[in-house]
C-alpha atoms as a PDB file:
ATOM      1  CA  MET A   1      -8.560 -14.135  11.855  1.00  0.00           C
ATOM      2  CA  ASP A   2     -11.583 -15.552  13.546  1.00  0.00           C
ATOM      3  CA  ASP A   3     -13.290 -18.808  13.972  1.00  0.00           C
ATOM      4  CA  GLU A   4     -16.923 -17.756  13.959  1.00  0.00           C
ATOM      5  CA  LYS A   5     -17.338 -17.780  10.129  1.00  0.00           C
ATOM      6  CA  PRO A   6     -19.822 -14.953   9.305  1.00  0.00           C
ATOM      7  CA  ILE A   7     -18.226 -12.482  11.694  1.00  0.00           C
ATOM      8  CA  ALA A   8     -15.170 -12.598   9.790  1.00  0.00           C
ATOM      9  CA  GLU A   9     -16.638 -12.796   6.547  1.00  0.00           C
ATOM     10  CA  ILE A  10     -18.926  -9.605   7.340  1.00  0.00           C
ATOM     11  CA  LEU A  11     -15.389  -7.965   8.825  1.00  0.00           C
ATOM     12  CA  LYS A  12     -13.624  -9.081   5.728  1.00  0.00           C
ATOM     13  CA  TYR A  13     -16.293  -7.241   3.085  1.00  0.00           C
ATOM     14  CA  ASN A  14     -16.539  -4.380   5.466  1.00  0.00           C
ATOM     15  CA  LEU A  15     -12.561  -4.264   5.417  1.00  0.00           C
ATOM     16  CA  GLU A  16     -12.461  -5.039   1.562  1.00  0.00           C
ATOM     17  CA  ARG A  17     -14.660  -2.143   0.973  1.00  0.00           C
ATOM     18  CA  GLU A  18     -12.484  -0.072   2.255  1.00  0.00           C
ATOM     19  CA  GLY A  19      -9.779  -1.046  -0.176  1.00  0.00           C
ATOM     20  CA  TYR A  20      -7.995  -3.695   1.947  1.00  0.00           C
ATOM     21  CA  THR A  21      -6.563  -6.743   1.398  1.00  0.00           C
ATOM     22  CA  VAL A  22      -7.826  -9.615   3.159  1.00  0.00           C
ATOM     23  CA  VAL A  23      -6.639 -13.338   3.923  1.00  0.00           C
ATOM     24  CA  VAL A  24      -8.785 -15.451   6.686  1.00  0.00           C
ATOM     25  CA  ALA A  25      -7.572 -18.245   8.982  1.00  0.00           C
ATOM     26  CA  TYR A  26     -10.038 -20.258  10.976  1.00  0.00           C
ATOM     27  CA  ASP A  27      -7.967 -21.944  13.267  1.00  0.00           C
ATOM     28  CA  GLY A  28      -4.419 -21.249  15.137  1.00  0.00           C
ATOM     29  CA  GLU A  29      -2.478 -22.851  12.999  1.00  0.00           C
ATOM     30  CA  GLU A  30      -3.502 -21.765  10.109  1.00  0.00           C
ATOM     31  CA  ALA A  31      -3.061 -17.919  11.382  1.00  0.00           C
ATOM     32  CA  LEU A  32       0.570 -18.576  12.414  1.00  0.00           C
ATOM     33  CA  ARG A  33       1.124 -20.105   8.535  1.00  0.00           C
ATOM     34  CA  LEU A  34      -0.638 -16.919   6.628  1.00  0.00           C
ATOM     35  CA  ALA A  35       1.111 -14.805   8.973  1.00  0.00           C
ATOM     36  CA  LYS A  36       4.230 -16.113   7.855  1.00  0.00           C
ATOM     37  CA  SER A  37       3.610 -16.206   4.675  1.00  0.00           C
ATOM     38  CA  CYS A  38       1.875 -13.390   3.438  1.00  0.00           C
ATOM     39  CA  LYS A  39       3.194 -10.765   5.833  1.00  0.00           C
ATOM     40  CA  PRO A  40       0.345  -8.467   6.633  1.00  0.00           C
ATOM     41  CA  ASP A  41       0.178  -5.001   7.817  1.00  0.00           C
ATOM     42  CA  LEU A  42      -2.068  -6.084  10.630  1.00  0.00           C
ATOM     43  CA  ILE A  43      -3.687  -8.807  12.097  1.00  0.00           C
ATOM     44  CA  LEU A  44      -7.001  -9.394  13.590  1.00  0.00           C
ATOM     45  CA  LEU A  45      -6.544 -12.194  15.511  1.00  0.00           C
ATOM     46  CA  ASP A  46      -9.597 -13.976  18.050  1.00  0.00           C
ATOM     47  CA  ILE A  47      -8.761 -15.410  20.990  1.00  0.00           C
ATOM     48  CA  MET A  48     -11.085 -18.382  20.924  1.00  0.00           C
ATOM     49  CA  LEU A  49      -9.279 -20.403  17.657  1.00  0.00           C
ATOM     50  CA  PRO A  50      -9.719 -24.073  17.964  1.00  0.00           C
ATOM     51  CA  LYS A  51      -5.885 -26.073  17.097  1.00  0.00           C
ATOM     52  CA  LYS A  52      -4.292 -22.692  18.895  1.00  0.00           C
ATOM     53  CA  ASP A  53      -5.577 -20.144  20.557  1.00  0.00           C
ATOM     54  CA  GLY A  54      -5.589 -16.589  20.344  1.00  0.00           C
ATOM     55  CA  PHE A  55      -2.820 -16.165  23.142  1.00  0.00           C
ATOM     56  CA  ALA A  56      -0.337 -18.729  21.613  1.00  0.00           C
ATOM     57  CA  VAL A  57      -0.534 -17.342  18.614  1.00  0.00           C
ATOM     58  CA  CYS A  58      -0.152 -13.736  19.434  1.00  0.00           C
ATOM     59  CA  ARG A  59       2.785 -14.894  21.397  1.00  0.00           C
ATOM     60  CA  GLU A  60       4.547 -17.021  18.465  1.00  0.00           C
ATOM     61  CA  ILE A  61       4.138 -14.063  16.647  1.00  0.00           C
ATOM     62  CA  ARG A  62       5.417 -11.617  18.583  1.00  0.00           C
ATOM     63  CA  GLN A  63       8.778 -13.749  18.744  1.00  0.00           C
ATOM     64  CA  LYS A  64       9.381 -12.892  15.153  1.00  0.00           C
ATOM     65  CA  SER A  65       7.356  -9.712  14.273  1.00  0.00           C
ATOM     66  CA  ASN A  66       6.177  -6.310  15.627  1.00  0.00           C
ATOM     67  CA  VAL A  67       3.483  -6.305  12.750  1.00  0.00           C
ATOM     68  CA  PRO A  68       0.344  -4.780  14.652  1.00  0.00           C
ATOM     69  CA  ILE A  69      -2.692  -6.644  16.277  1.00  0.00           C
ATOM     70  CA  ILE A  70      -5.871  -6.088  17.384  1.00  0.00           C
ATOM     71  CA  MET A  71      -7.041  -9.319  19.559  1.00  0.00           C
ATOM     72  CA  LEU A  72     -11.525  -9.888  18.754  1.00  0.00           C
ATOM     73  CA  THR A  73     -12.770 -11.784  21.865  1.00  0.00           C
ATOM     74  CA  ALA A  74     -15.955 -12.607  23.393  1.00  0.00           C
ATOM     75  CA  LYS A  75     -14.023 -12.533  27.314  1.00  0.00           C
ATOM     76  CA  ASP A  76     -14.553  -9.138  28.721  1.00  0.00           C
ATOM     77  CA  THR A  77     -12.472 -10.077  32.084  1.00  0.00           C
ATOM     78  CA  GLU A  78      -9.658  -7.420  32.557  1.00  0.00           C
ATOM     79  CA  LEU A  79      -7.563 -11.056  33.309  1.00  0.00           C
ATOM     80  CA  ASP A  80      -7.887 -11.837  29.335  1.00  0.00           C
ATOM     81  CA  LYS A  81      -7.194  -8.145  28.620  1.00  0.00           C
ATOM     82  CA  VAL A  82      -4.653  -7.951  30.095  1.00  0.00           C
ATOM     83  CA  LEU A  83      -2.733 -11.256  29.392  1.00  0.00           C
ATOM     84  CA  GLY A  84      -3.839 -10.091  25.691  1.00  0.00           C
ATOM     85  CA  LEU A  85      -1.679  -6.670  25.838  1.00  0.00           C
ATOM     86  CA  GLU A  86       0.895  -8.270  27.748  1.00  0.00           C
ATOM     87  CA  LEU A  87       1.809 -11.158  25.309  1.00  0.00           C
ATOM     88  CA  GLY A  88       2.328  -7.700  22.889  1.00  0.00           C
ATOM     89  CA  ALA A  89      -1.142  -7.266  21.394  1.00  0.00           C
ATOM     90  CA  ASP A  90      -1.711  -3.366  20.283  1.00  0.00           C
ATOM     91  CA  ASP A  91      -5.553  -3.631  20.945  1.00  0.00           C
ATOM     92  CA  TYR A  92      -8.328  -5.315  22.114  1.00  0.00           C
ATOM     93  CA  VAL A  93     -11.911  -5.043  21.340  1.00  0.00           C
ATOM     94  CA  THR A  94     -14.649  -7.301  22.728  1.00  0.00           C
ATOM     95  CA  LYS A  95     -17.785  -8.683  21.332  1.00  0.00           C
ATOM     96  CA  PRO A  96     -20.013  -7.736  20.708  1.00  0.00           C
ATOM     97  CA  PHE A  97     -18.701  -5.033  18.561  1.00  0.00           C
ATOM     98  CA  SER A  98     -19.706  -3.043  15.448  1.00  0.00           C
ATOM     99  CA  ALA A  99     -17.640  -3.844  12.012  1.00  0.00           C
ATOM    100  CA  ARG A 100     -17.262   0.261  12.024  1.00  0.00           C
ATOM    101  CA  GLU A 101     -15.561   0.278  14.843  1.00  0.00           C
ATOM    102  CA  VAL A 102     -13.349  -2.337  14.474  1.00  0.00           C
ATOM    103  CA  VAL A 103     -12.538  -1.052  10.739  1.00  0.00           C
ATOM    104  CA  ALA A 104     -12.194   2.922  12.794  1.00  0.00           C
ATOM    105  CA  ARG A 105      -9.313   1.096  14.782  1.00  0.00           C
ATOM    106  CA  VAL A 106      -7.739  -0.855  11.636  1.00  0.00           C
ATOM    107  CA  LYS A 107      -7.247   2.618  10.218  1.00  0.00           C
ATOM    108  CA  ALA A 108      -6.083   4.323  13.409  1.00  0.00           C
ATOM    109  CA  LEU A 109      -3.417   1.663  13.928  1.00  0.00           C
ATOM    110  CA  LEU A 110      -2.273   1.412  10.306  1.00  0.00           C
ATOM    111  CA  ARG A 111      -2.260   5.283   9.735  1.00  0.00           C
ATOM    112  CA  ARG A 112       0.413   5.337  12.756  1.00  0.00           C
ATOM    113  CA  ALA A 113       2.075   2.461  11.645  1.00  0.00           C
ATOM    114  CA  VAL A 114       3.206   4.080   8.646  1.00  0.00           C
ATOM    115  CA  GLN A 115       4.136   7.654   9.486  1.00  0.00           C
ATOM    116  CA  PRO A 116       7.731   7.029  10.209  1.00  0.00           C
ATOM    117  CA  LYS A 117       8.282   6.076   6.952  1.00  0.00           C
ATOM    118  CA  VAL A 118       7.387   9.345   5.884  1.00  0.00           C
ATOM    119  CA  GLU A 119       9.537  11.220   8.331  1.00  0.00           C
ATOM    120  CA  GLU A 120      12.088  13.470   5.881  1.00  0.00           C
ATOM    121  CA  VAL A 121      14.146  13.991   8.170  1.00  0.00           C
ATOM    122  CA  GLY A 122      15.310  11.922  11.667  1.00  0.00           C
ATOM    123  CA  GLU A 123      15.630  13.573  14.915  1.00  0.00           C
ATOM    124  CA  ILE A 124      17.794  12.203  18.007  1.00  0.00           C
ATOM    125  CA  LEU A 125      15.633  12.344  21.515  1.00  0.00           C
ATOM    126  CA  THR A 126      17.350  11.991  24.854  1.00  0.00           C
ATOM    127  CA  CYS A 127      16.607  11.453  28.406  1.00  0.00           C
ATOM    128  CA  GLN A 128      19.767  10.943  30.400  1.00  0.00           C
ATOM    129  CA  ASP A 129      21.123   7.555  28.755  1.00  0.00           C
ATOM    130  CA  LEU A 130      18.276   6.846  27.080  1.00  0.00           C
ATOM    131  CA  VAL A 131      18.596   8.024  23.466  1.00  0.00           C
ATOM    132  CA  VAL A 132      15.911   7.334  20.321  1.00  0.00           C
ATOM    133  CA  ASP A 133      17.146   7.575  17.206  1.00  0.00           C
ATOM    134  CA  THR A 134      13.313   8.329  14.852  1.00  0.00           C
ATOM    135  CA  GLY A 135      15.326   8.020  11.292  1.00  0.00           C
ATOM    136  CA  ARG A 136      16.907   4.584  12.600  1.00  0.00           C
ATOM    137  CA  MET A 137      13.778   4.039  14.790  1.00  0.00           C
ATOM    138  CA  GLU A 138      16.576   2.353  17.186  1.00  0.00           C
ATOM    139  CA  VAL A 139      16.452   2.450  20.821  1.00  0.00           C
ATOM    140  CA  MET A 140      18.990   2.335  23.665  1.00  0.00           C
ATOM    141  CA  VAL A 141      19.534   2.920  27.472  1.00  0.00           C
ATOM    142  CA  ASN A 142      23.476   2.854  28.212  1.00  0.00           C
ATOM    143  CA  LYS A 143      24.342   2.657  24.499  1.00  0.00           C
ATOM    144  CA  GLN A 144      22.396  -1.251  24.320  1.00  0.00           C
ATOM    145  CA  THR A 145      19.772  -1.971  21.580  1.00  0.00           C
ATOM    146  CA  VAL A 146      16.475  -2.101  22.939  1.00  0.00           C
ATOM    147  CA  ASP A 147      13.883  -4.187  20.721  1.00  0.00           C
ATOM    148  CA  LEU A 148      10.409  -2.342  21.419  1.00  0.00           C
ATOM    149  CA  THR A 149       7.202  -3.280  19.379  1.00  0.00           C
ATOM    150  CA  TYR A 150       6.062  -0.877  17.245  1.00  0.00           C
ATOM    151  CA  ARG A 151       3.286   0.549  19.934  1.00  0.00           C
ATOM    152  CA  GLU A 152       6.239   0.672  22.305  1.00  0.00           C
ATOM    153  CA  TYR A 153       7.825   2.678  20.083  1.00  0.00           C
ATOM    154  CA  LEU A 154       5.138   5.023  19.282  1.00  0.00           C
ATOM    155  CA  LEU A 155       4.592   5.754  23.359  1.00  0.00           C
ATOM    156  CA  LEU A 156       8.138   6.105  23.662  1.00  0.00           C
ATOM    157  CA  THR A 157       8.981   8.686  21.458  1.00  0.00           C
ATOM    158  CA  TYR A 158       5.781  10.710  21.925  1.00  0.00           C
ATOM    159  CA  LEU A 159       6.180  10.694  25.606  1.00  0.00           C
ATOM    160  CA  MET A 160      10.354  11.684  25.264  1.00  0.00           C
ATOM    161  CA  ARG A 161       8.778  14.531  22.324  1.00  0.00           C
ATOM    162  CA  HIS A 162       6.587  16.209  25.323  1.00  0.00           C
ATOM    163  CA  ALA A 163       8.916  15.730  28.113  1.00  0.00           C
ATOM    164  CA  GLY A 164       8.673  16.919  31.490  1.00  0.00           C
ATOM    165  CA  TYR A 165       4.549  17.548  30.946  1.00  0.00           C
ATOM    166  CA  VAL A 166       1.968  15.058  32.035  1.00  0.00           C
ATOM    167  CA  ILE A 167       0.210  13.831  29.335  1.00  0.00           C
ATOM    168  CA  SER A 168      -3.370  11.935  30.614  1.00  0.00           C
ATOM    169  CA  ARG A 169      -4.001   8.486  29.537  1.00  0.00           C
ATOM    170  CA  GLU A 170      -6.980   9.904  27.507  1.00  0.00           C
ATOM    171  CA  LYS A 171      -4.475  11.874  25.526  1.00  0.00           C
ATOM    172  CA  LEU A 172      -2.065   9.270  24.708  1.00  0.00           C
ATOM    173  CA  LEU A 173      -5.055   6.654  23.576  1.00  0.00           C
ATOM    174  CA  GLU A 174      -5.912   9.834  20.949  1.00  0.00           C
ATOM    175  CA  GLU A 175      -2.469  10.425  20.492  1.00  0.00           C
ATOM    176  CA  VAL A 176      -0.806   6.904  20.336  1.00  0.00           C
ATOM    177  CA  TRP A 177      -3.407   4.854  19.753  1.00  0.00           C
ATOM    178  CA  GLY A 178      -5.193   6.732  17.221  1.00  0.00           C
ATOM    179  CA  TYR A 179      -8.614   6.802  18.740  1.00  0.00           C
ATOM    180  CA  ASP A 180     -10.833   9.789  18.970  1.00  0.00           C
ATOM    181  CA  PHE A 181     -13.698   7.913  20.839  1.00  0.00           C
ATOM    182  CA  TYR A 182     -13.502   6.115  24.325  1.00  0.00           C
ATOM    183  CA  GLY A 183     -10.757   3.446  24.722  1.00  0.00           C
ATOM    184  CA  ASP A 184      -9.895   1.849  27.434  1.00  0.00           C
ATOM    185  CA  GLU A 185      -7.251   3.130  29.637  1.00  0.00           C
ATOM    186  CA  ARG A 186      -5.741  -0.082  31.130  1.00  0.00           C
ATOM    187  CA  THR A 187      -4.080   0.010  28.010  1.00  0.00           C
ATOM    188  CA  VAL A 188      -2.191   2.482  28.041  1.00  0.00           C
ATOM    189  CA  ASP A 189      -1.475   1.197  32.077  1.00  0.00           C
ATOM    190  CA  VAL A 190      -0.450  -2.183  30.467  1.00  0.00           C
ATOM    191  CA  ALA A 191       1.687  -0.513  27.609  1.00  0.00           C
ATOM    192  CA  ILE A 192       3.789   1.529  29.575  1.00  0.00           C
ATOM    193  CA  ARG A 193       4.493  -1.251  32.196  1.00  0.00           C
ATOM    194  CA  ARG A 194       5.650  -3.356  29.759  1.00  0.00           C
ATOM    195  CA  LEU A 195       8.032  -0.290  27.999  1.00  0.00           C
ATOM    196  CA  ARG A 196       9.218   0.246  31.392  1.00  0.00           C
ATOM    197  CA  GLU A 197       9.859  -3.119  31.879  1.00  0.00           C
ATOM    198  CA  LYS A 198      12.590  -2.842  28.914  1.00  0.00           C
ATOM    199  CA  ILE A 199      14.015   0.327  29.280  1.00  0.00           C
ATOM    200  CA  GLU A 200      13.949   1.087  33.196  1.00  0.00           C
ATOM    201  CA  PRO A 201      17.321  -0.329  34.946  1.00  0.00           C
ATOM    202  CA  ASN A 202      14.157  -0.646  38.022  1.00  0.00           C
ATOM    203  CA  PRO A 203      10.787  -1.077  36.395  1.00  0.00           C
ATOM    204  CA  SER A 204       9.024  -0.925  39.961  1.00  0.00           C
ATOM    205  CA  GLU A 205      11.684   2.444  40.444  1.00  0.00           C
ATOM    206  CA  PRO A 206      11.786   4.323  37.200  1.00  0.00           C
ATOM    207  CA  ARG A 207      13.753   6.687  36.098  1.00  0.00           C
ATOM    208  CA  TYR A 208      12.219   7.516  32.792  1.00  0.00           C
ATOM    209  CA  ILE A 209       8.461   7.023  32.499  1.00  0.00           C
ATOM    210  CA  LEU A 210       7.284   8.920  35.491  1.00  0.00           C
ATOM    211  CA  THR A 211       3.948   8.514  36.881  1.00  0.00           C
ATOM    212  CA  LYS A 212       1.278  11.362  38.255  1.00  0.00           C
ATOM    213  CA  ARG A 213      -0.945   9.580  39.998  1.00  0.00           C
ATOM    214  CA  GLY A 214      -5.056   9.823  38.872  1.00  0.00           C
ATOM    215  CA  VAL A 215      -3.468  11.807  36.084  1.00  0.00           C
ATOM    216  CA  GLY A 216      -1.109  10.411  33.822  1.00  0.00           C
ATOM    217  CA  TYR A 217       2.743   9.760  32.664  1.00  0.00           C
ATOM    218  CA  LEU A 218       5.509  11.724  31.748  1.00  0.00           C
ATOM    219  CA  MET A 219       9.469  11.337  30.976  1.00  0.00           C
ATOM    220  CA  GLY A 220      11.805  12.873  33.384  1.00  0.00           C
ATOM    221  CA  LYS A 221      14.036  12.509  35.784  1.00  0.00           C
ATOM    222  CA  GLY A 222      12.733  12.125  39.401  1.00  0.00           C
ATOM    223  CA  LYS A 223      10.224  10.026  41.360  1.00  0.00           C
ATOM    224  CA  ASN A 224       6.724   9.223  40.805  1.00  0.00           C
ATOM    225  CA  VAL A 225       4.410  11.899  42.040  1.00  0.00           C
END
């Protein structure tokens, strides 16, 4: 969804060449209507949309859906990136960008999105009183269900499957976001913060997801080091 028709048409053409079905909206209100009626597998969302901007669209979509969202925008400031991610976007690409890069990120995000559907046997992952049932994609803390976005779920399960090991931001981008090229490590930090706010009793003093300063993150019991 993009307010600049030439860019939207170029992306549409390149995505359709890869076999994807693409619908395009040119303002925020139309984007919300299409998101509801078409139930897309992924949304490319521009921030500078008329009638209703991308931030507002993202916020409304996240109230009802965990569909993967990639934000496309000319705004390259740290504040705009963080705000988009805080609202629940899974990724953020700034203009100018190549259609090839966007297609690669779409493929990576969709590839991660279908993985749980092919798991033959679910597993139970635990860390203290945090429990994840991968068969049901259910997360519970103190026996209370926690609602995560799909990206947050992937991040949590990856850390839990590698509990006790420090995982670098670069590794998390590669394994959880699916990038085999350089990504913005700030994306990982924001995702970790959002995840902590949902699962930690006190996000400022985390019990589950710990920080190894200057290195990365790990699942474990204790204090950040």
